[in-house]
N, C-alpha and C. Protein backbone atom coordinates (compact mmCIF):
# COMPACT_ATOMS: atom_id res chain seq x y z
N MET A 1 27.25 103.64 26.27
CA MET A 1 25.91 103.17 26.26
C MET A 1 25.36 103.14 24.85
N GLY A 2 25.70 104.15 24.04
CA GLY A 2 25.25 104.23 22.66
C GLY A 2 25.72 103.05 21.84
N ASP A 3 27.01 102.62 22.09
CA ASP A 3 27.54 101.48 21.36
C ASP A 3 26.80 100.20 21.72
N ASP A 4 26.45 100.04 23.01
CA ASP A 4 25.71 98.85 23.45
C ASP A 4 24.35 98.79 22.77
N LEU A 5 23.68 99.92 22.68
CA LEU A 5 22.37 99.98 22.05
C LEU A 5 22.47 99.64 20.56
N GLU A 6 23.49 100.18 19.91
CA GLU A 6 23.68 99.91 18.49
C GLU A 6 23.97 98.44 18.26
N GLN A 7 24.79 97.83 19.12
CA GLN A 7 25.12 96.42 18.99
C GLN A 7 23.88 95.55 19.22
N ALA A 8 23.04 95.92 20.18
CA ALA A 8 21.82 95.17 20.47
C ALA A 8 20.86 95.23 19.28
N VAL A 9 20.73 96.42 18.71
CA VAL A 9 19.84 96.57 17.55
C VAL A 9 20.39 95.78 16.37
N ALA A 10 21.70 95.86 16.15
CA ALA A 10 22.33 95.13 15.05
C ALA A 10 22.14 93.63 15.23
N ALA A 11 22.29 93.13 16.47
CA ALA A 11 22.10 91.70 16.75
C ALA A 11 20.66 91.28 16.50
N GLN A 12 19.72 92.13 16.90
CA GLN A 12 18.30 91.82 16.69
C GLN A 12 17.96 91.78 15.20
N ILE A 13 18.48 92.71 14.43
CA ILE A 13 18.25 92.73 12.99
C ILE A 13 18.86 91.49 12.34
N ALA A 14 20.07 91.15 12.73
CA ALA A 14 20.74 89.96 12.18
C ALA A 14 19.95 88.71 12.51
N GLY A 15 19.46 88.59 13.73
CA GLY A 15 18.65 87.44 14.13
C GLY A 15 17.36 87.35 13.33
N SER A 16 16.75 88.47 13.08
CA SER A 16 15.52 88.52 12.30
C SER A 16 15.76 88.04 10.87
N ILE A 17 16.87 88.41 10.28
CA ILE A 17 17.21 87.99 8.92
C ILE A 17 17.40 86.49 8.87
N VAL A 18 18.10 85.92 9.87
CA VAL A 18 18.32 84.47 9.92
C VAL A 18 16.99 83.75 10.03
N VAL A 19 16.09 84.24 10.88
CA VAL A 19 14.79 83.61 11.04
C VAL A 19 14.01 83.64 9.73
N ARG A 20 14.03 84.78 9.03
CA ARG A 20 13.33 84.90 7.75
C ARG A 20 13.90 83.91 6.74
N ARG A 21 15.22 83.78 6.70
CA ARG A 21 15.83 82.84 5.76
C ARG A 21 15.43 81.41 6.10
N ARG A 22 15.41 81.06 7.37
CA ARG A 22 15.01 79.72 7.78
C ARG A 22 13.57 79.45 7.39
N ARG A 23 12.70 80.42 7.61
CA ARG A 23 11.30 80.25 7.24
C ARG A 23 11.16 80.04 5.74
N LYS A 24 11.91 80.81 4.98
CA LYS A 24 11.84 80.68 3.53
C LYS A 24 12.31 79.30 3.10
N ARG A 25 13.39 78.83 3.67
CA ARG A 25 13.88 77.50 3.35
C ARG A 25 12.86 76.45 3.75
N SER A 26 12.28 76.62 4.90
CA SER A 26 11.30 75.64 5.36
C SER A 26 10.11 75.57 4.41
N ARG A 27 9.62 76.72 3.99
CA ARG A 27 8.50 76.72 3.05
C ARG A 27 8.90 76.11 1.71
N THR A 28 10.10 76.42 1.27
CA THR A 28 10.59 75.87 0.02
C THR A 28 10.73 74.36 0.14
N THR A 29 11.28 73.90 1.25
CA THR A 29 11.44 72.47 1.48
C THR A 29 10.09 71.78 1.51
N ILE A 30 9.13 72.37 2.21
CA ILE A 30 7.78 71.78 2.28
C ILE A 30 7.17 71.71 0.89
N ALA A 31 7.30 72.76 0.12
CA ALA A 31 6.75 72.77 -1.24
C ALA A 31 7.40 71.69 -2.09
N ALA A 32 8.70 71.50 -1.94
CA ALA A 32 9.41 70.47 -2.70
C ALA A 32 8.92 69.08 -2.34
N PHE A 33 8.76 68.82 -1.04
CA PHE A 33 8.26 67.52 -0.61
C PHE A 33 6.82 67.29 -1.08
N ALA A 34 6.00 68.31 -1.02
CA ALA A 34 4.62 68.18 -1.48
C ALA A 34 4.58 67.86 -2.97
N THR A 35 5.40 68.55 -3.75
CA THR A 35 5.45 68.31 -5.19
C THR A 35 5.94 66.89 -5.46
N ALA A 36 6.96 66.46 -4.76
CA ALA A 36 7.48 65.10 -4.93
C ALA A 36 6.40 64.08 -4.59
N GLY A 37 5.62 64.34 -3.55
CA GLY A 37 4.54 63.44 -3.16
C GLY A 37 3.50 63.30 -4.24
N VAL A 38 3.14 64.41 -4.87
CA VAL A 38 2.16 64.37 -5.95
C VAL A 38 2.71 63.57 -7.13
N ILE A 39 3.97 63.76 -7.45
CA ILE A 39 4.59 63.03 -8.55
C ILE A 39 4.60 61.54 -8.25
N VAL A 40 4.94 61.14 -7.03
CA VAL A 40 4.98 59.73 -6.66
C VAL A 40 3.58 59.13 -6.75
N VAL A 41 2.57 59.82 -6.22
CA VAL A 41 1.20 59.32 -6.29
C VAL A 41 0.78 59.17 -7.74
N GLY A 42 1.05 60.16 -8.56
CA GLY A 42 0.71 60.08 -9.98
C GLY A 42 1.40 58.92 -10.67
N ALA A 43 2.66 58.70 -10.35
CA ALA A 43 3.40 57.59 -10.94
C ALA A 43 2.82 56.27 -10.48
N GLY A 44 2.38 56.19 -9.24
CA GLY A 44 1.76 54.97 -8.73
C GLY A 44 0.48 54.65 -9.45
N ALA A 45 -0.34 55.66 -9.70
CA ALA A 45 -1.60 55.44 -10.42
C ALA A 45 -1.32 54.99 -11.85
N ALA A 46 -0.34 55.59 -12.50
CA ALA A 46 0.02 55.18 -13.85
C ALA A 46 0.56 53.76 -13.86
N ALA A 47 1.36 53.42 -12.87
CA ALA A 47 1.91 52.07 -12.79
C ALA A 47 0.81 51.04 -12.60
N ALA A 48 -0.20 51.39 -11.81
CA ALA A 48 -1.30 50.46 -11.57
C ALA A 48 -2.01 50.11 -12.88
N VAL A 49 -2.17 51.08 -13.75
CA VAL A 49 -2.83 50.83 -15.03
C VAL A 49 -1.98 49.90 -15.88
N THR A 50 -0.67 50.10 -15.92
CA THR A 50 0.17 49.27 -16.77
C THR A 50 0.29 47.85 -16.24
N LEU A 51 -0.06 47.63 -14.99
CA LEU A 51 0.00 46.29 -14.43
C LEU A 51 -1.19 45.43 -14.80
N LEU A 52 -2.24 46.04 -15.36
CA LEU A 52 -3.40 45.27 -15.74
C LEU A 52 -3.07 44.35 -16.91
N SER A 53 -3.44 43.11 -16.75
CA SER A 53 -3.23 42.13 -17.81
C SER A 53 -4.59 41.75 -18.39
N PRO A 54 -4.60 41.09 -19.54
CA PRO A 54 -5.87 40.61 -20.06
C PRO A 54 -6.61 39.72 -19.06
N ASP A 55 -5.85 38.92 -18.32
CA ASP A 55 -6.45 38.04 -17.31
C ASP A 55 -7.16 38.84 -16.22
N THR A 56 -6.55 39.95 -15.79
CA THR A 56 -7.16 40.81 -14.78
C THR A 56 -8.49 41.39 -15.29
N VAL A 57 -8.52 41.81 -16.54
CA VAL A 57 -9.74 42.36 -17.12
C VAL A 57 -10.79 41.26 -17.25
N GLU A 58 -10.38 40.08 -17.69
CA GLU A 58 -11.31 38.94 -17.82
C GLU A 58 -11.99 38.61 -16.49
N ARG A 59 -11.21 38.62 -15.41
CA ARG A 59 -11.78 38.33 -14.07
C ARG A 59 -12.56 39.53 -13.55
N GLY A 60 -12.12 40.72 -13.92
CA GLY A 60 -12.74 41.94 -13.41
C GLY A 60 -14.08 42.28 -14.02
N MET A 61 -14.36 41.78 -15.21
CA MET A 61 -15.65 42.07 -15.84
C MET A 61 -16.80 41.46 -15.03
N PRO A 62 -16.83 40.14 -14.81
CA PRO A 62 -17.93 39.59 -13.99
C PRO A 62 -17.83 40.00 -12.52
N GLY A 63 -16.66 40.40 -12.07
CA GLY A 63 -16.51 40.86 -10.69
C GLY A 63 -17.12 42.22 -10.45
N SER A 64 -17.41 42.95 -11.53
CA SER A 64 -17.94 44.30 -11.41
C SER A 64 -19.38 44.44 -11.87
N SER A 65 -19.76 43.67 -12.88
CA SER A 65 -21.09 43.84 -13.47
C SER A 65 -21.78 42.49 -13.64
N VAL A 66 -23.03 42.38 -13.18
CA VAL A 66 -23.75 41.11 -13.25
C VAL A 66 -23.98 40.64 -14.67
N ILE A 67 -24.00 41.53 -15.65
CA ILE A 67 -24.25 41.05 -17.02
C ILE A 67 -23.12 40.18 -17.53
N PHE A 68 -21.94 40.26 -16.90
CA PHE A 68 -20.80 39.45 -17.34
C PHE A 68 -20.67 38.13 -16.58
N ILE A 69 -21.51 37.88 -15.58
CA ILE A 69 -21.44 36.62 -14.82
C ILE A 69 -21.79 35.46 -15.75
N ASP A 70 -21.00 34.40 -15.69
CA ASP A 70 -21.18 33.19 -16.50
C ASP A 70 -21.04 33.42 -18.00
N THR A 71 -20.28 34.44 -18.40
CA THR A 71 -20.08 34.71 -19.83
C THR A 71 -18.69 34.28 -20.31
N ASP A 72 -17.79 33.97 -19.41
CA ASP A 72 -16.44 33.50 -19.71
C ASP A 72 -15.70 34.42 -20.70
N PRO A 73 -15.39 35.66 -20.28
CA PRO A 73 -14.71 36.59 -21.18
C PRO A 73 -13.27 36.17 -21.48
N THR A 74 -12.83 36.45 -22.69
CA THR A 74 -11.44 36.27 -23.11
C THR A 74 -11.00 37.61 -23.69
N CYS A 75 -9.88 38.15 -23.16
CA CYS A 75 -9.43 39.48 -23.59
C CYS A 75 -8.02 39.43 -24.15
N THR A 76 -7.77 40.30 -25.09
CA THR A 76 -6.42 40.51 -25.62
C THR A 76 -6.06 41.98 -25.43
N LYS A 77 -4.80 42.22 -25.20
CA LYS A 77 -4.31 43.57 -24.92
C LYS A 77 -3.94 44.27 -26.23
N LYS A 78 -4.59 45.42 -26.48
CA LYS A 78 -4.25 46.23 -27.65
C LYS A 78 -3.19 47.26 -27.31
N SER A 79 -3.25 47.78 -26.08
CA SER A 79 -2.28 48.75 -25.57
C SER A 79 -2.29 48.62 -24.05
N ASP A 80 -1.52 49.47 -23.38
CA ASP A 80 -1.49 49.41 -21.91
C ASP A 80 -2.85 49.70 -21.29
N VAL A 81 -3.73 50.38 -22.03
CA VAL A 81 -5.02 50.77 -21.46
C VAL A 81 -6.22 50.29 -22.27
N GLU A 82 -6.01 49.52 -23.32
CA GLU A 82 -7.13 49.08 -24.16
C GLU A 82 -7.08 47.57 -24.37
N PHE A 83 -8.26 46.93 -24.20
CA PHE A 83 -8.37 45.49 -24.33
C PHE A 83 -9.57 45.15 -25.20
N ASP A 84 -9.42 44.15 -26.08
CA ASP A 84 -10.54 43.61 -26.85
C ASP A 84 -10.99 42.35 -26.12
N CYS A 85 -12.28 42.28 -25.81
CA CYS A 85 -12.80 41.14 -25.06
C CYS A 85 -13.97 40.50 -25.80
N THR A 86 -13.97 39.17 -25.79
CA THR A 86 -15.04 38.39 -26.40
C THR A 86 -15.63 37.48 -25.33
N LEU A 87 -16.96 37.43 -25.28
CA LEU A 87 -17.65 36.58 -24.32
C LEU A 87 -17.99 35.25 -24.99
N ALA A 88 -17.82 34.14 -24.25
CA ALA A 88 -18.18 32.82 -24.77
C ALA A 88 -19.70 32.68 -24.85
N LYS A 89 -20.40 33.34 -23.94
CA LYS A 89 -21.87 33.32 -23.93
C LYS A 89 -22.38 34.74 -23.81
N ALA A 90 -23.50 35.00 -24.43
CA ALA A 90 -24.09 36.34 -24.37
C ALA A 90 -24.55 36.65 -22.95
N PRO A 91 -24.55 37.91 -22.58
CA PRO A 91 -25.06 38.30 -21.26
C PRO A 91 -26.51 37.85 -21.10
N SER A 92 -26.83 37.33 -19.90
CA SER A 92 -28.20 36.86 -19.69
C SER A 92 -28.85 37.46 -18.45
N LYS A 93 -28.10 38.19 -17.65
CA LYS A 93 -28.65 38.73 -16.40
C LYS A 93 -29.57 39.93 -16.64
N GLU A 94 -29.33 40.67 -17.69
CA GLU A 94 -30.19 41.78 -18.06
C GLU A 94 -30.65 41.53 -19.49
N VAL A 95 -31.88 41.74 -19.74
CA VAL A 95 -32.40 41.50 -21.08
C VAL A 95 -32.44 42.82 -21.84
N LEU A 96 -31.46 42.97 -22.71
CA LEU A 96 -31.41 44.13 -23.59
C LEU A 96 -31.53 43.61 -25.02
N SER A 97 -32.20 44.34 -25.84
CA SER A 97 -32.32 43.91 -27.24
C SER A 97 -31.06 44.28 -28.02
N ASP A 98 -30.26 45.21 -27.47
CA ASP A 98 -29.07 45.67 -28.19
C ASP A 98 -28.01 46.11 -27.18
N TYR A 99 -26.89 45.40 -27.16
CA TYR A 99 -25.79 45.74 -26.24
C TYR A 99 -24.78 46.71 -26.86
N LYS A 100 -24.93 47.01 -28.14
CA LYS A 100 -23.98 47.91 -28.80
C LYS A 100 -24.05 49.28 -28.13
N GLY A 101 -22.88 49.75 -27.67
CA GLY A 101 -22.80 51.05 -27.00
C GLY A 101 -23.07 50.99 -25.50
N THR A 102 -23.46 49.82 -24.99
CA THR A 102 -23.69 49.66 -23.55
C THR A 102 -22.36 49.82 -22.82
N LYS A 103 -22.38 50.51 -21.69
CA LYS A 103 -21.16 50.77 -20.93
C LYS A 103 -21.25 50.10 -19.57
N GLU A 104 -20.21 49.35 -19.24
CA GLU A 104 -20.12 48.63 -17.97
C GLU A 104 -18.72 48.78 -17.38
N THR A 105 -18.62 48.68 -16.07
CA THR A 105 -17.32 48.79 -15.40
C THR A 105 -16.65 47.42 -15.30
N PHE A 106 -15.35 47.45 -14.99
CA PHE A 106 -14.64 46.23 -14.58
C PHE A 106 -13.74 46.57 -13.41
N ASN A 107 -13.49 45.57 -12.56
CA ASN A 107 -12.71 45.74 -11.34
C ASN A 107 -11.29 45.22 -11.51
N ASP A 108 -10.42 45.69 -10.61
CA ASP A 108 -9.08 45.10 -10.52
C ASP A 108 -9.14 43.93 -9.53
N ALA A 109 -8.00 43.35 -9.22
CA ALA A 109 -7.94 42.19 -8.33
C ALA A 109 -8.37 42.51 -6.90
N ASP A 110 -8.37 43.80 -6.52
CA ASP A 110 -8.78 44.21 -5.17
C ASP A 110 -10.23 44.70 -5.11
N ASP A 111 -11.01 44.43 -6.15
CA ASP A 111 -12.41 44.87 -6.24
C ASP A 111 -12.57 46.38 -6.26
N ASN A 112 -11.61 47.06 -6.85
CA ASN A 112 -11.72 48.50 -7.08
C ASN A 112 -12.01 48.71 -8.57
N ILE A 113 -12.85 49.67 -8.87
CA ILE A 113 -13.18 49.93 -10.27
C ILE A 113 -11.92 50.40 -10.99
N ALA A 114 -11.51 49.63 -11.99
CA ALA A 114 -10.25 49.89 -12.70
C ALA A 114 -10.47 50.46 -14.09
N GLY A 115 -11.71 50.39 -14.59
CA GLY A 115 -11.98 50.88 -15.93
C GLY A 115 -13.38 50.51 -16.35
N GLY A 116 -13.59 50.53 -17.66
CA GLY A 116 -14.92 50.23 -18.17
C GLY A 116 -14.86 49.68 -19.58
N CYS A 117 -15.98 49.09 -19.99
CA CYS A 117 -16.09 48.45 -21.30
C CYS A 117 -17.28 49.01 -22.06
N ILE A 118 -17.17 48.99 -23.38
CA ILE A 118 -18.25 49.42 -24.26
C ILE A 118 -18.59 48.26 -25.18
N GLY A 119 -19.89 47.92 -25.22
CA GLY A 119 -20.37 46.86 -26.11
C GLY A 119 -20.16 47.24 -27.56
N GLN A 120 -19.64 46.29 -28.35
CA GLN A 120 -19.32 46.57 -29.75
C GLN A 120 -20.31 45.94 -30.73
N ASP A 121 -21.18 45.04 -30.22
CA ASP A 121 -22.17 44.43 -31.11
C ASP A 121 -23.50 44.28 -30.38
N SER A 122 -24.55 44.08 -31.14
CA SER A 122 -25.90 43.99 -30.58
C SER A 122 -26.07 42.79 -29.66
N ALA A 123 -25.42 41.67 -29.97
CA ALA A 123 -25.57 40.46 -29.18
C ALA A 123 -24.85 40.55 -27.83
N GLY A 124 -23.93 41.48 -27.68
CA GLY A 124 -23.19 41.64 -26.43
C GLY A 124 -22.03 40.68 -26.28
N LEU A 125 -21.54 40.13 -27.39
CA LEU A 125 -20.42 39.19 -27.33
C LEU A 125 -19.06 39.86 -27.45
N HIS A 126 -18.99 41.06 -28.00
CA HIS A 126 -17.72 41.75 -28.21
C HIS A 126 -17.72 43.09 -27.47
N TRP A 127 -16.62 43.32 -26.70
CA TRP A 127 -16.50 44.52 -25.87
C TRP A 127 -15.09 45.09 -26.01
N THR A 128 -14.98 46.38 -25.96
CA THR A 128 -13.69 47.04 -25.87
C THR A 128 -13.63 47.65 -24.48
N CYS A 129 -12.57 47.29 -23.73
CA CYS A 129 -12.42 47.74 -22.35
C CYS A 129 -11.23 48.69 -22.25
N TYR A 130 -11.40 49.71 -21.43
CA TYR A 130 -10.37 50.72 -21.24
C TYR A 130 -10.04 50.84 -19.75
N ALA A 131 -8.76 50.90 -19.45
CA ALA A 131 -8.31 50.97 -18.06
C ALA A 131 -8.05 52.42 -17.65
N GLY A 132 -8.26 52.68 -16.36
CA GLY A 132 -7.87 53.96 -15.76
C GLY A 132 -8.52 55.17 -16.40
N GLU A 133 -7.69 56.21 -16.55
CA GLU A 133 -8.16 57.50 -17.08
C GLU A 133 -8.75 57.38 -18.48
N LYS A 134 -8.33 56.38 -19.24
CA LYS A 134 -8.86 56.20 -20.59
C LYS A 134 -10.36 55.89 -20.52
N ALA A 135 -10.79 55.15 -19.51
CA ALA A 135 -12.22 54.86 -19.33
C ALA A 135 -12.99 56.14 -19.03
N VAL A 136 -12.36 57.05 -18.32
CA VAL A 136 -12.98 58.36 -18.04
C VAL A 136 -13.06 59.16 -19.34
N GLU A 137 -11.96 59.19 -20.10
CA GLU A 137 -11.93 59.91 -21.38
C GLU A 137 -12.99 59.38 -22.35
N MET A 138 -13.22 58.06 -22.31
CA MET A 138 -14.19 57.44 -23.21
C MET A 138 -15.62 57.60 -22.69
N ASP A 139 -15.77 58.30 -21.57
CA ASP A 139 -17.08 58.59 -20.98
C ASP A 139 -17.84 57.33 -20.56
N ILE A 140 -17.07 56.33 -20.09
CA ILE A 140 -17.68 55.11 -19.57
C ILE A 140 -17.97 55.29 -18.08
N ILE A 141 -17.02 55.89 -17.38
CA ILE A 141 -17.18 56.14 -15.95
C ILE A 141 -16.76 57.57 -15.64
N GLY A 142 -17.24 58.07 -14.52
CA GLY A 142 -16.82 59.38 -14.05
C GLY A 142 -15.50 59.27 -13.31
N LYS A 143 -14.75 60.35 -13.29
CA LYS A 143 -13.44 60.38 -12.63
C LYS A 143 -13.54 59.98 -11.16
N ASP A 144 -14.62 60.38 -10.49
CA ASP A 144 -14.77 60.06 -9.07
C ASP A 144 -15.06 58.58 -8.83
N LEU A 145 -15.51 57.86 -9.84
CA LEU A 145 -15.80 56.43 -9.69
C LEU A 145 -14.54 55.58 -9.81
N LEU A 146 -13.58 56.05 -10.57
CA LEU A 146 -12.33 55.31 -10.79
C LEU A 146 -11.61 55.06 -9.47
N GLY A 147 -11.32 53.79 -9.19
CA GLY A 147 -10.62 53.43 -7.96
C GLY A 147 -11.53 53.16 -6.78
N GLN A 148 -12.83 53.38 -6.92
CA GLN A 148 -13.76 53.15 -5.82
C GLN A 148 -13.89 51.65 -5.57
N HIS A 149 -13.96 51.27 -4.31
CA HIS A 149 -14.11 49.87 -3.94
C HIS A 149 -15.56 49.44 -4.14
N THR A 150 -15.75 48.23 -4.64
CA THR A 150 -17.09 47.69 -4.81
C THR A 150 -17.26 46.49 -3.89
N ASN A 151 -18.48 46.14 -3.66
CA ASN A 151 -18.79 44.97 -2.84
C ASN A 151 -19.45 43.91 -3.70
N GLY A 152 -18.85 43.61 -4.84
CA GLY A 152 -19.39 42.63 -5.74
C GLY A 152 -20.02 43.26 -6.96
N PRO A 153 -20.49 42.41 -7.87
CA PRO A 153 -21.03 42.89 -9.14
C PRO A 153 -22.28 43.76 -8.94
N ALA A 154 -22.38 44.78 -9.77
CA ALA A 154 -23.54 45.68 -9.72
C ALA A 154 -24.51 45.34 -10.84
N ALA A 155 -25.76 45.62 -10.60
CA ALA A 155 -26.80 45.40 -11.62
C ALA A 155 -27.39 46.74 -12.00
N GLY A 156 -27.77 46.83 -13.27
CA GLY A 156 -28.50 48.02 -13.72
C GLY A 156 -27.62 49.04 -14.19
């Protein structure tokens, strides 16, 4: 009888060790998948920024802010996240005496806020636009605004 009891206890201990190992593996596996998911999401966000072309920024300026409507922007790419933009006509929807330092958003092709622009001259004809996190770093938009869907150009 003593041997049976010892064998039962030994079997129970062995089973408990296997269960603990499985739990540990499961937690490790879950952590690995979660980490991989974060990396993939981060890579996707970075890829979205690099896909922006000058044409996307040109269309996204009037698509996001009323001051750019009917201004016919032309942009050139300085880097993956920086664009120089010139307007054919000065902004006319808002009457400001000085557009230098004015900050406005621009949208991507899906009407999501993709970045922002800063006025470079008083007339409002020259703008430097920054995509993604760079627009946040430049204090044009808040981090929570980046990627938000809009329902057309905003005023004010």
